[in-house]
């Protein structure tokens, strides 16, 4: 099961002064076996390329930061923001020249997760293939661990 950050949601509501990119919805991902790693989060090549493209327009930012909020009928929802600095308790993942910071509150929810970027005719979105998610809500806005 995994969380999704929809590009359409990302584009709407962004002001030039805002750092927030968007929140994530949740999608069940079945039958995908994840490769164990020491990193809290691994990025697919398509996710790396999309993050690089997003950061081109924000030279003051060092990377993206993943967080988690209490929201929705199932408990938790991912957030994704531009970040200009690393906080003391952030987990840092550097892969292929891309920095992703994980907020302290989100670290345990993301262990072993693969972050992917997928494009189709209907959607462009970041997908979190997360083996830790035990349940999702019907609306796709939240998940539980």
Protein backbone atom coordinates (compact mmCIF):
# COMPACT_ATOMS: atom_id res chain seq x y z
CA UNK A 1 0.00 0.00 0.00
CA UNK A 2 1.29 3.48 -0.58
CA UNK A 3 0.62 7.18 -0.56
CA UNK A 4 0.31 9.31 -3.65
CA UNK A 5 1.11 12.96 -4.21
CA UNK A 6 -0.88 14.06 -7.20
CA UNK A 7 0.78 16.57 -9.49
CA UNK A 8 -2.56 18.25 -10.23
CA UNK A 9 -2.92 18.98 -6.52
CA UNK A 10 0.65 20.22 -6.47
CA UNK A 11 0.09 22.75 -9.24
CA UNK A 12 -3.08 24.21 -7.75
CA UNK A 13 -2.84 26.43 -4.71
CA UNK A 14 0.88 27.14 -4.99
CA UNK A 15 1.74 30.77 -4.57
CA UNK A 16 5.20 32.01 -5.41
CA UNK A 17 5.96 32.49 -1.70
CA UNK A 18 4.64 29.08 -0.60
CA UNK A 19 7.00 26.21 0.20
CA UNK A 20 4.24 23.61 0.45
CA UNK A 21 3.97 21.38 -2.58
CA UNK A 22 0.97 19.29 -1.56
CA UNK A 23 -0.47 16.52 0.52
CA UNK A 24 -0.68 12.85 -0.35
CA UNK A 25 -3.58 10.54 -0.85
CA UNK A 26 -3.28 6.82 -0.27
CA UNK A 27 -3.35 4.01 -2.81
CA UNK A 28 -3.11 0.28 -2.25
CA UNK A 29 -0.08 -1.26 -3.97
CA UNK A 30 -0.29 -5.04 -4.06
CA UNK A 31 2.13 -7.65 -5.31
CA UNK A 32 5.18 -5.39 -5.29
CA UNK A 33 8.11 -6.82 -3.41
CA UNK A 34 10.47 -4.18 -2.08
CA UNK A 35 14.22 -4.67 -1.88
CA UNK A 36 15.59 -4.27 1.68
CA UNK A 37 17.92 -1.30 2.12
CA UNK A 38 19.61 0.64 4.89
CA UNK A 39 18.06 3.91 3.70
CA UNK A 40 14.72 4.88 5.20
CA UNK A 41 13.48 5.68 1.70
CA UNK A 42 14.63 4.73 -1.78
CA UNK A 43 13.87 6.69 -4.93
CA UNK A 44 13.17 5.26 -8.35
CA UNK A 45 14.98 6.87 -11.32
CA UNK A 46 11.73 8.56 -12.40
CA UNK A 47 11.28 10.07 -8.91
CA UNK A 48 14.87 11.36 -8.96
CA UNK A 49 14.35 13.01 -12.35
CA UNK A 50 11.06 14.64 -11.30
CA UNK A 51 12.51 15.98 -8.05
CA UNK A 52 15.46 17.45 -9.98
CA UNK A 53 13.02 19.16 -12.33
CA UNK A 54 10.93 20.53 -9.45
CA UNK A 55 14.03 21.91 -7.72
CA UNK A 56 15.30 23.67 -10.86
CA UNK A 57 12.70 26.41 -10.28
CA UNK A 58 13.66 26.74 -6.58
CA UNK A 59 17.46 27.30 -6.45
CA UNK A 60 17.23 28.44 -2.81
CA UNK A 61 15.93 25.00 -1.77
CA UNK A 62 18.23 22.12 -0.85
CA UNK A 63 15.63 19.43 -1.49
CA UNK A 64 12.16 18.17 -0.68
CA UNK A 65 10.87 17.32 2.79
CA UNK A 66 8.36 14.57 3.48
CA UNK A 67 6.14 14.92 6.51
CA UNK A 68 3.02 13.31 7.90
CA UNK A 69 -0.13 14.95 9.31
CA UNK A 70 -3.02 13.63 11.34
CA UNK A 71 -5.94 13.94 8.98
CA UNK A 72 -8.76 12.04 7.33
CA UNK A 73 -10.82 9.13 8.58
CA UNK A 74 -7.91 6.67 8.80
CA UNK A 75 -5.40 8.83 10.68
CA UNK A 76 -2.34 9.94 8.68
CA UNK A 77 -1.56 11.71 5.42
CA UNK A 78 1.80 12.48 3.74
CA UNK A 79 2.93 16.01 2.95
CA UNK A 80 5.69 17.13 0.60
CA UNK A 81 7.37 20.55 0.85
CA UNK A 82 10.32 22.42 -0.57
CA UNK A 83 12.96 22.94 2.11
CA UNK A 84 15.83 25.40 2.46
CA UNK A 85 17.52 23.78 5.46
CA UNK A 86 17.86 20.50 7.34
CA UNK A 87 16.46 20.40 10.87
CA UNK A 88 18.45 18.61 13.56
CA UNK A 89 16.06 15.64 13.74
CA UNK A 90 15.42 15.21 9.99
CA UNK A 91 16.53 11.98 8.34
CA UNK A 92 18.42 12.76 5.14
CA UNK A 93 18.31 10.56 2.05
CA UNK A 94 20.72 11.48 -0.76
CA UNK A 95 20.39 9.49 -3.93
CA UNK A 96 21.66 10.28 -7.44
CA UNK A 97 22.25 13.94 -6.56
CA UNK A 98 18.82 14.49 -4.98
CA UNK A 99 18.20 15.29 -1.31
CA UNK A 100 15.01 14.22 0.40
CA UNK A 101 14.55 15.05 4.07
CA UNK A 102 12.15 13.10 6.24
CA UNK A 103 10.54 14.89 9.15
CA UNK A 104 11.03 13.20 12.52
CA UNK A 105 7.29 12.40 12.80
CA UNK A 106 7.28 10.64 9.41
CA UNK A 107 10.45 8.56 9.82
CA UNK A 108 8.88 5.40 11.24
CA UNK A 109 6.00 5.49 8.74
CA UNK A 110 8.41 5.53 5.78
CA UNK A 111 10.93 2.81 6.73
CA UNK A 112 11.49 0.54 3.74
CA UNK A 113 9.37 2.68 1.40
CA UNK A 114 10.06 3.25 -2.28
CA UNK A 115 9.16 6.68 -3.70
CA UNK A 116 8.19 6.55 -7.37
CA UNK A 117 6.91 9.08 -9.90
CA UNK A 118 4.33 7.87 -12.40
CA UNK A 119 2.72 9.57 -15.38
CA UNK A 120 -0.35 8.43 -17.28
CA UNK A 121 -2.88 10.08 -19.57
CA UNK A 122 -4.97 11.01 -16.53
CA UNK A 123 -2.47 11.75 -13.77
CA UNK A 124 1.11 12.60 -12.83
CA UNK A 125 1.93 11.68 -9.26
CA UNK A 126 4.47 10.61 -6.67
CA UNK A 127 3.58 7.16 -5.35
CA UNK A 128 4.87 5.82 -2.04
CA UNK A 129 5.11 2.02 -2.16
CA UNK A 130 4.98 1.54 1.58
CA UNK A 131 4.95 -1.94 3.14
CA UNK A 132 4.09 -0.49 6.57
CA UNK A 133 0.58 0.74 5.77
CA UNK A 134 -2.09 -1.52 7.27
CA UNK A 135 -5.24 0.32 6.21
CA UNK A 136 -6.53 3.10 3.99
CA UNK A 137 -9.70 5.12 3.95
CA UNK A 138 -12.23 4.88 1.15
CA UNK A 139 -11.60 8.42 -0.07
CA UNK A 140 -7.86 7.83 -0.46
CA UNK A 141 -6.85 10.74 1.77
CA UNK A 142 -5.38 8.90 4.74
CA UNK A 143 -3.74 5.69 5.96
CA UNK A 144 -2.88 3.86 9.15
CA UNK A 145 0.28 2.05 10.20
